[in-house]
Amino acid sequence: VFVAAVILFCIIYVLIKIPDKKKYSALHVVLAGISAGVCGNVADRLLHGYVIDFISIEIISFPIFNFADVFVTVFSVVLIFLFVFKYKENDLLFMDIKQKKYRELK
């Protein structure tokens, strides 16, 4: 739960700092998807003490998982692709901690 709280804090920090440009809309969606998955797993941990896995594929020997795991995994892969192929270093200057006027990047 602590690790999930740290991840959510970091995502909220980035979401607050993202400029309101159309170019960052994919980043908004991806971070919201990761947050949804993290919140789903945290809810299971708080309510049941563990994450309930309920999707099992019998045809192949594949691990059992849930939708929260799918959200975290898929959106994390998409986030990596965004950082590698879409956003350049100058596009991510808004995340600089020392920068005070991050909304002026608009």
C-alpha atoms as a PDB file:
ATOM      1  CA  VAL A   1       0.000   0.000   0.000  1.00  0.00           C
ATOM      2  CA  PHE A   2       2.894   2.355   0.779  1.00  0.00           C
ATOM      3  CA  VAL A   3       4.514   1.784  -2.623  1.00  0.00           C
ATOM      4  CA  ALA A   4       1.152   2.374  -4.330  1.00  0.00           C
ATOM      5  CA  ALA A   5       0.723   5.625  -2.391  1.00  0.00           C
ATOM      6  CA  VAL A   6       4.167   6.812  -3.515  1.00  0.00           C
ATOM      7  CA  ILE A   7       3.362   5.917  -7.135  1.00  0.00           C
ATOM      8  CA  LEU A   8       0.030   7.740  -6.960  1.00  0.00           C
ATOM      9  CA  PHE A   9       1.708  10.786  -5.418  1.00  0.00           C
ATOM     10  CA  CYS A  10       4.246  10.857  -8.270  1.00  0.00           C
ATOM     11  CA  ILE A  11       1.517  10.491 -10.898  1.00  0.00           C
ATOM     12  CA  ILE A  12      -0.543  13.290  -9.331  1.00  0.00           C
ATOM     13  CA  TYR A  13       2.563  15.494  -9.230  1.00  0.00           C
ATOM     14  CA  VAL A  14       3.205  14.914 -12.944  1.00  0.00           C
ATOM     15  CA  LEU A  15      -0.489  15.401 -13.842  1.00  0.00           C
ATOM     16  CA  ILE A  16      -0.488  18.767 -12.061  1.00  0.00           C
ATOM     17  CA  LYS A  17       2.647  19.885 -13.884  1.00  0.00           C
ATOM     18  CA  ILE A  18       1.657  18.753 -17.400  1.00  0.00           C
ATOM     19  CA  PRO A  19       0.934  21.735 -19.656  1.00  0.00           C
ATOM     20  CA  ASP A  20      -2.565  21.960 -21.095  1.00  0.00           C
ATOM     21  CA  LYS A  21      -1.487  21.246 -24.660  1.00  0.00           C
ATOM     22  CA  LYS A  22      -3.035  18.715 -27.012  1.00  0.00           C
ATOM     23  CA  LYS A  23       0.355  17.034 -27.453  1.00  0.00           C
ATOM     24  CA  TYR A  24       0.196  15.837 -23.832  1.00  0.00           C
ATOM     25  CA  SER A  25      -3.323  14.366 -23.982  1.00  0.00           C
ATOM     26  CA  ALA A  26      -1.941  10.842 -24.503  1.00  0.00           C
ATOM     27  CA  LEU A  27       0.195  11.272 -21.401  1.00  0.00           C
ATOM     28  CA  HIS A  28      -2.903  12.309 -19.423  1.00  0.00           C
ATOM     29  CA  VAL A  29      -4.755   9.163 -20.515  1.00  0.00           C
ATOM     30  CA  VAL A  30      -1.826   6.846 -19.821  1.00  0.00           C
ATOM     31  CA  LEU A  31      -1.203   8.240 -16.338  1.00  0.00           C
ATOM     32  CA  ALA A  32      -4.924   8.051 -15.546  1.00  0.00           C
ATOM     33  CA  GLY A  33      -4.933   4.397 -16.656  1.00  0.00           C
ATOM     34  CA  ILE A  34      -1.958   3.534 -14.469  1.00  0.00           C
ATOM     35  CA  SER A  35      -3.614   5.355 -11.558  1.00  0.00           C
ATOM     36  CA  ALA A  36      -6.823   3.376 -12.086  1.00  0.00           C
ATOM     37  CA  GLY A  37      -4.929   0.094 -11.976  1.00  0.00           C
ATOM     38  CA  VAL A  38      -2.994   1.090  -8.875  1.00  0.00           C
ATOM     39  CA  CYS A  39      -6.197   2.210  -7.132  1.00  0.00           C
ATOM     40  CA  GLY A  40      -7.903  -1.068  -8.038  1.00  0.00           C
ATOM     41  CA  ASN A  41      -5.098  -3.124  -6.544  1.00  0.00           C
ATOM     42  CA  VAL A  42      -4.963  -0.920  -3.424  1.00  0.00           C
ATOM     43  CA  ALA A  43      -8.719  -1.273  -2.955  1.00  0.00           C
ATOM     44  CA  ASP A  44      -8.378  -5.068  -3.073  1.00  0.00           C
ATOM     45  CA  ARG A  45      -5.512  -4.986  -0.591  1.00  0.00           C
ATOM     46  CA  LEU A  46      -7.416  -2.779   1.846  1.00  0.00           C
ATOM     47  CA  LEU A  47     -10.714  -4.671   1.556  1.00  0.00           C
ATOM     48  CA  HIS A  48      -9.437  -8.237   1.360  1.00  0.00           C
ATOM     49  CA  GLY A  49      -5.822  -8.110   2.502  1.00  0.00           C
ATOM     50  CA  TYR A  50      -4.588  -9.286  -0.899  1.00  0.00           C
ATOM     51  CA  VAL A  51      -5.266  -8.682  -4.589  1.00  0.00           C
ATOM     52  CA  ILE A  52      -7.987 -10.916  -5.972  1.00  0.00           C
ATOM     53  CA  ASP A  53      -6.974 -12.457  -9.293  1.00  0.00           C
ATOM     54  CA  PHE A  54      -9.911 -13.732 -11.306  1.00  0.00           C
ATOM     55  CA  ILE A  55      -8.934 -14.178 -14.951  1.00  0.00           C
ATOM     56  CA  SER A  56      -7.426 -17.553 -15.691  1.00  0.00           C
ATOM     57  CA  ILE A  57      -6.589 -18.908 -19.145  1.00  0.00           C
ATOM     58  CA  GLU A  58      -6.762 -22.696 -19.063  1.00  0.00           C
ATOM     59  CA  ILE A  59      -5.563 -23.303 -22.637  1.00  0.00           C
ATOM     60  CA  ILE A  60      -2.001 -22.257 -21.873  1.00  0.00           C
ATOM     61  CA  SER A  61      -0.108 -22.135 -18.611  1.00  0.00           C
ATOM     62  CA  PHE A  62      -0.554 -18.405 -18.053  1.00  0.00           C
ATOM     63  CA  PRO A  63      -0.588 -16.578 -14.717  1.00  0.00           C
ATOM     64  CA  ILE A  64      -3.913 -15.576 -13.203  1.00  0.00           C
ATOM     65  CA  PHE A  65      -4.500 -11.804 -13.233  1.00  0.00           C
ATOM     66  CA  ASN A  66      -7.143  -9.096 -12.884  1.00  0.00           C
ATOM     67  CA  PHE A  67      -8.136  -5.938 -14.756  1.00  0.00           C
ATOM     68  CA  ALA A  68      -6.097  -3.687 -12.460  1.00  0.00           C
ATOM     69  CA  ASP A  69      -2.982  -5.661 -13.400  1.00  0.00           C
ATOM     70  CA  VAL A  70      -3.897  -5.306 -17.077  1.00  0.00           C
ATOM     71  CA  PHE A  71      -4.283  -1.519 -16.695  1.00  0.00           C
ATOM     72  CA  VAL A  72      -0.939  -1.120 -14.930  1.00  0.00           C
ATOM     73  CA  THR A  73       0.923  -3.351 -17.388  1.00  0.00           C
ATOM     74  CA  VAL A  74      -0.581  -2.104 -20.652  1.00  0.00           C
ATOM     75  CA  PHE A  75      -0.453   1.580 -19.758  1.00  0.00           C
ATOM     76  CA  SER A  76       3.107   1.257 -18.443  1.00  0.00           C
ATOM     77  CA  VAL A  77       4.191  -0.222 -21.774  1.00  0.00           C
ATOM     78  CA  VAL A  78       2.388   2.593 -23.616  1.00  0.00           C
ATOM     79  CA  LEU A  79       4.123   5.126 -21.321  1.00  0.00           C
ATOM     80  CA  ILE A  80       7.512   3.683 -22.265  1.00  0.00           C
ATOM     81  CA  PHE A  81       6.622   3.918 -25.966  1.00  0.00           C
ATOM     82  CA  LEU A  82       5.530   7.542 -25.498  1.00  0.00           C
ATOM     83  CA  PHE A  83       8.810   8.446 -23.827  1.00  0.00           C
ATOM     84  CA  VAL A  84      10.889   6.621 -26.429  1.00  0.00           C
ATOM     85  CA  PHE A  85       9.071   7.557 -29.649  1.00  0.00           C
ATOM     86  CA  LYS A  86       6.785  10.562 -29.120  1.00  0.00           C
ATOM     87  CA  TYR A  87       8.219  12.917 -26.510  1.00  0.00           C
ATOM     88  CA  LYS A  88      11.663  14.394 -26.855  1.00  0.00           C
ATOM     89  CA  GLU A  89      13.762  15.781 -24.023  1.00  0.00           C
ATOM     90  CA  ASN A  90      12.458  19.329 -24.558  1.00  0.00           C
ATOM     91  CA  ASP A  91       8.860  18.095 -24.339  1.00  0.00           C
ATOM     92  CA  LEU A  92       9.462  16.847 -20.799  1.00  0.00           C
ATOM     93  CA  LEU A  93      11.033  19.979 -19.325  1.00  0.00           C
ATOM     94  CA  PHE A  94       7.823  20.619 -17.395  1.00  0.00           C
ATOM     95  CA  MET A  95       8.824  17.830 -14.977  1.00  0.00           C
ATOM     96  CA  ASP A  96      11.965  19.673 -13.857  1.00  0.00           C
ATOM     97  CA  ILE A  97      11.703  20.106 -10.084  1.00  0.00           C
ATOM     98  CA  LYS A  98      13.691  23.339 -10.087  1.00  0.00           C
ATOM     99  CA  GLN A  99      11.380  24.971 -12.606  1.00  0.00           C
ATOM    100  CA  LYS A 100       8.905  27.296 -10.875  1.00  0.00           C
ATOM    101  CA  LYS A 101       6.830  28.606 -13.774  1.00  0.00           C
ATOM    102  CA  TYR A 102       5.868  25.340 -15.433  1.00  0.00           C
ATOM    103  CA  ARG A 103       2.551  26.625 -16.796  1.00  0.00           C
ATOM    104  CA  GLU A 104       4.425  29.121 -18.986  1.00  0.00           C
ATOM    105  CA  LEU A 105       5.378  26.267 -21.323  1.00  0.00           C
ATOM    106  CA  LYS A 106       1.959  26.612 -22.981  1.00  0.00           C
END
